[in-house]
């Protein structure tokens, strides 16, 4: 159990450092000058988004399997990258 916890924590922590979400939170904290309120709002949003992702992932895994999820996720990741590169 702890291995899963720390693996998930490490992946998410490293993935979030310097991404657009963190930059948006920095911007909001500077603009509104209420860092604790911004922290609370951002934390709740991340918790809810993670809860939705966890529920959807668990449900999809039981319906279509892990390999299909990896294939579709990888394909979407590549598609979004291509769309960003061509400016769509």
Protein backbone atom coordinates (compact mmCIF):
# COMPACT_ATOMS: atom_id res chain seq x y z
CA UNK A 1 0.00 0.00 0.00
CA UNK A 2 2.72 2.52 0.92
CA UNK A 3 4.66 1.77 -2.26
CA UNK A 4 1.59 2.67 -4.33
CA UNK A 5 1.04 5.82 -2.24
CA UNK A 6 4.62 7.08 -2.57
CA UNK A 7 4.84 6.18 -6.26
CA UNK A 8 1.65 8.10 -6.98
CA UNK A 9 2.76 11.02 -4.81
CA UNK A 10 6.16 11.20 -6.50
CA UNK A 11 4.75 11.06 -10.02
CA UNK A 12 2.11 13.69 -9.34
CA UNK A 13 4.47 15.98 -7.43
CA UNK A 14 7.10 15.93 -10.18
CA UNK A 15 4.49 16.29 -12.94
CA UNK A 16 2.96 19.37 -11.31
CA UNK A 17 6.19 21.31 -10.71
CA UNK A 18 6.29 24.23 -13.13
CA UNK A 19 3.24 23.23 -15.15
CA UNK A 20 0.51 25.64 -16.24
CA UNK A 21 -1.61 24.84 -13.19
CA UNK A 22 1.13 25.88 -10.81
CA UNK A 23 1.78 29.03 -12.83
CA UNK A 24 -1.94 29.88 -12.74
CA UNK A 25 -1.98 29.45 -8.95
CA UNK A 26 1.07 31.70 -8.62
CA UNK A 27 -0.69 34.30 -10.76
CA UNK A 28 -3.90 34.11 -8.70
CA UNK A 29 -2.00 34.37 -5.41
CA UNK A 30 -0.20 37.47 -6.70
CA UNK A 31 -3.32 39.07 -8.14
CA UNK A 32 -5.74 38.49 -5.29
CA UNK A 33 -3.19 38.75 -2.46
CA UNK A 34 -5.02 36.05 -0.52
CA UNK A 35 -2.63 33.11 -0.71
CA UNK A 36 -4.53 30.90 1.74
CA UNK A 37 -7.82 31.34 -0.09
CA UNK A 38 -6.08 30.59 -3.40
CA UNK A 39 -4.41 27.56 -1.79
CA UNK A 40 -7.78 26.29 -0.54
CA UNK A 41 -9.46 26.75 -3.92
CA UNK A 42 -6.60 25.17 -5.86
CA UNK A 43 -6.37 22.27 -3.41
CA UNK A 44 -10.08 21.54 -3.61
CA UNK A 45 -9.99 21.68 -7.41
CA UNK A 46 -7.06 19.26 -7.54
CA UNK A 47 -8.71 16.87 -5.08
CA UNK A 48 -11.98 16.86 -7.05
CA UNK A 49 -10.22 16.44 -10.41
CA UNK A 50 -8.19 13.57 -8.99
CA UNK A 51 -11.31 11.95 -7.53
CA UNK A 52 -13.04 12.09 -10.91
CA UNK A 53 -9.95 10.69 -12.64
CA UNK A 54 -9.65 7.88 -10.10
CA UNK A 55 -13.31 6.91 -10.42
CA UNK A 56 -13.24 7.05 -14.22
CA UNK A 57 -9.97 5.11 -14.36
CA UNK A 58 -11.28 2.39 -12.06
CA UNK A 59 -14.51 2.09 -13.99
CA UNK A 60 -12.80 2.02 -17.39
CA UNK A 61 -10.33 -0.58 -16.18
CA UNK A 62 -13.16 -2.95 -15.29
CA UNK A 63 -14.91 -2.28 -18.63
CA UNK A 64 -12.12 -2.25 -21.23
CA UNK A 65 -8.88 -3.23 -19.46
CA UNK A 66 -5.56 -1.60 -18.71
CA UNK A 67 -3.97 -2.13 -22.16
CA UNK A 68 -6.83 -0.37 -23.93
CA UNK A 69 -6.69 2.52 -21.44
CA UNK A 70 -2.94 2.92 -22.01
CA UNK A 71 -3.40 2.82 -25.79
CA UNK A 72 -6.21 5.39 -25.80
CA UNK A 73 -4.44 7.63 -23.25
CA UNK A 74 -1.22 7.53 -25.25
CA UNK A 75 -3.09 8.27 -28.46
CA UNK A 76 -4.89 11.23 -26.91
CA UNK A 77 -1.63 12.56 -25.49
CA UNK A 78 -0.01 12.42 -28.94
CA UNK A 79 -3.10 13.93 -30.59
CA UNK A 80 -3.19 16.86 -28.16
CA UNK A 81 0.53 17.43 -28.68
CA UNK A 82 0.10 17.51 -32.46
CA UNK A 83 -2.89 19.86 -32.20
CA UNK A 84 -0.89 22.21 -29.98
CA UNK A 85 2.05 22.14 -32.42
CA UNK A 86 -0.14 23.02 -35.42
CA UNK A 87 -1.95 25.73 -33.46
CA UNK A 88 -5.45 24.26 -33.23
